[in-house]
Protein backbone atom coordinates (compact mmCIF):
# COMPACT_ATOMS: atom_id res chain seq x y z
CA SER A 1 -70.85 110.48 67.77
CA ASN A 2 -69.85 108.94 63.79
CA PHE A 3 -67.00 110.47 63.40
CA SER A 4 -64.83 109.03 66.38
CA GLN A 5 -66.06 105.51 64.70
CA PRO A 6 -65.09 105.57 61.75
CA SER A 7 -65.58 102.30 59.47
CA LYS A 8 -62.03 100.47 58.80
CA ASN A 9 -62.91 101.71 54.67
CA SER A 10 -63.35 105.30 56.48
CA LEU A 11 -60.17 105.61 56.99
CA VAL A 12 -58.59 105.97 54.54
CA THR A 13 -59.27 107.59 51.30
CA ASN A 14 -57.81 108.57 47.76
CA ASN A 15 -56.44 111.95 49.86
CA ALA A 16 -55.62 110.75 53.41
CA PHE A 17 -52.41 112.15 55.49
CA PHE A 18 -50.73 110.97 58.45
CA GLN A 19 -48.99 113.94 60.69
CA HIS A 20 -46.63 112.88 63.54
CA ASP A 21 -44.54 114.40 65.80
CA GLY A 22 -41.79 112.07 65.04
CA ALA A 23 -42.65 109.95 67.71
CA PRO A 24 -40.18 106.83 67.32
CA CYS A 25 -43.77 104.84 67.04
CA HIS A 26 -44.74 107.08 63.94
CA LYS A 27 -41.75 106.70 62.42
CA ALA A 28 -41.38 102.13 63.56
CA LYS A 29 -40.76 100.38 60.05
CA VAL A 30 -43.56 98.60 60.16
CA ILE A 31 -46.10 101.76 60.89
CA THR A 32 -44.06 103.03 57.82
CA LYS A 33 -44.43 100.72 55.30
CA TRP A 34 -48.08 100.33 56.25
CA LEU A 35 -48.69 103.67 55.32
CA GLY A 36 -46.64 103.26 51.96
CA GLU A 37 -48.85 100.51 51.15
CA GLN A 38 -52.82 102.71 51.68
CA ASN A 39 -51.12 105.61 49.91
CA ILE A 40 -51.38 107.57 52.70
CA ASP A 41 -48.34 110.64 53.09
CA ILE A 42 -46.73 111.66 55.15
CA LEU A 43 -47.23 115.61 56.20
CA GLY A 44 -44.05 116.57 57.37
CA PRO A 45 -41.48 116.53 58.47
CA TRP A 46 -44.10 118.10 61.36
CA PRO A 47 -42.78 120.81 64.54
CA GLY A 48 -41.60 119.16 67.70
CA ASN A 49 -43.77 119.49 70.91
CA SER A 50 -46.50 121.84 68.36
CA PRO A 51 -48.99 120.06 69.68
CA ASP A 52 -51.30 123.47 68.72
CA LEU A 53 -51.09 122.55 65.32
CA ASN A 54 -52.98 119.23 65.81
CA PRO A 55 -56.61 119.17 66.44
CA ILE A 56 -56.57 116.09 67.57
CA GLU A 57 -54.42 118.06 71.21
CA ASN A 58 -57.99 120.57 70.79
CA LEU A 59 -60.09 117.88 71.37
CA TRP A 60 -58.48 115.26 73.80
CA SER A 61 -58.59 118.84 75.57
CA ILE A 62 -61.75 118.75 74.83
CA LEU A 63 -62.64 115.71 76.39
CA LYS A 64 -59.94 115.98 79.30
CA ARG A 65 -62.42 118.94 80.81
CA TRP A 66 -65.76 117.50 80.40
CA VAL A 67 -64.82 114.53 83.06
CA ASP A 68 -63.17 116.53 84.78
CA LYS A 69 -65.98 118.37 85.53
CA GLN A 70 -67.69 115.34 87.25
CA LYS A 71 -64.68 114.59 89.02
CA PRO A 72 -64.42 110.26 88.73
CA THR A 73 -63.62 109.01 91.77
CA ASN A 74 -62.24 104.92 90.31
CA SER A 75 -60.64 103.81 87.27
CA ASP A 76 -64.39 102.56 85.99
CA LYS A 77 -66.01 105.62 86.63
CA LEU A 78 -62.68 107.34 84.26
CA GLN A 79 -63.03 104.82 81.73
CA ALA A 80 -66.75 105.33 81.17
CA LEU A 81 -66.83 109.21 81.40
CA ILE A 82 -64.18 108.90 78.52
CA MET A 83 -66.37 106.63 76.94
CA GLN A 84 -69.14 108.78 77.31
CA GLU A 85 -68.04 112.63 76.83
CA TRP A 86 -66.45 111.14 73.60
CA ALA A 87 -69.53 109.86 72.19
CA ALA A 88 -70.94 113.05 72.91
CA ILE A 89 -68.07 114.97 70.90
CA SER A 90 -70.33 116.48 68.40
CA GLN A 91 -69.09 116.28 64.11
CA ASP A 92 -69.69 119.97 63.92
CA VAL A 93 -67.06 120.65 67.53
CA ALA A 94 -64.23 118.47 65.26
CA GLN A 95 -64.61 120.56 62.24
CA LYS A 96 -64.86 123.87 63.87
CA LEU A 97 -61.16 122.37 65.32
CA ILE A 98 -60.20 121.53 61.74
CA ASP A 99 -61.21 124.83 59.78
CA SER A 100 -59.64 127.09 62.13
CA MET A 101 -56.00 125.21 61.09
CA PRO A 102 -55.42 127.22 58.32
CA ARG A 103 -55.43 130.81 60.47
CA GLN A 104 -54.06 129.14 63.31
CA ILE A 105 -51.07 128.36 60.58
CA ALA A 106 -50.76 131.38 59.40
CA GLU A 107 -50.26 132.75 62.41
CA VAL A 108 -47.48 130.42 63.69
CA LEU A 109 -45.72 131.01 60.52
CA LYS A 110 -46.00 134.89 60.75
CA LYS A 111 -44.52 134.61 64.03
CA LYS A 112 -41.63 132.53 62.29
CA GLY A 113 -42.22 129.24 65.15
CA GLN A 114 -41.95 131.44 67.99
CA HIS A 115 -45.04 131.83 70.63
CA CYS A 116 -48.62 132.51 69.29
CA LYS A 117 -51.91 132.51 71.57
CA TYR A 118 -52.81 128.95 69.63
């Protein structure tokens, strides 16, 4: 699928944002410097332990479900299945996850950060 293999130039646009959960590797000086040089804004502060607010986590869940259904028996088969199933995720699926974010964020805000259906 095209969205999973963007060209280097398409990774950084005039209005790119980087969202992370505060993991040390995301806050490393080299990363922070590179993001600044690329004029990439950092969304935050982002609440820790909030995978429900990150569309990629939903993609990982879909990928895991699709791979698990096929019950790979060794690491080579697992790797091949991951690559195959990742490529099978359509742009439409990714876009639907992205489009659902405003609704999810509104729900989290309404619940003042407490547990909600997402």
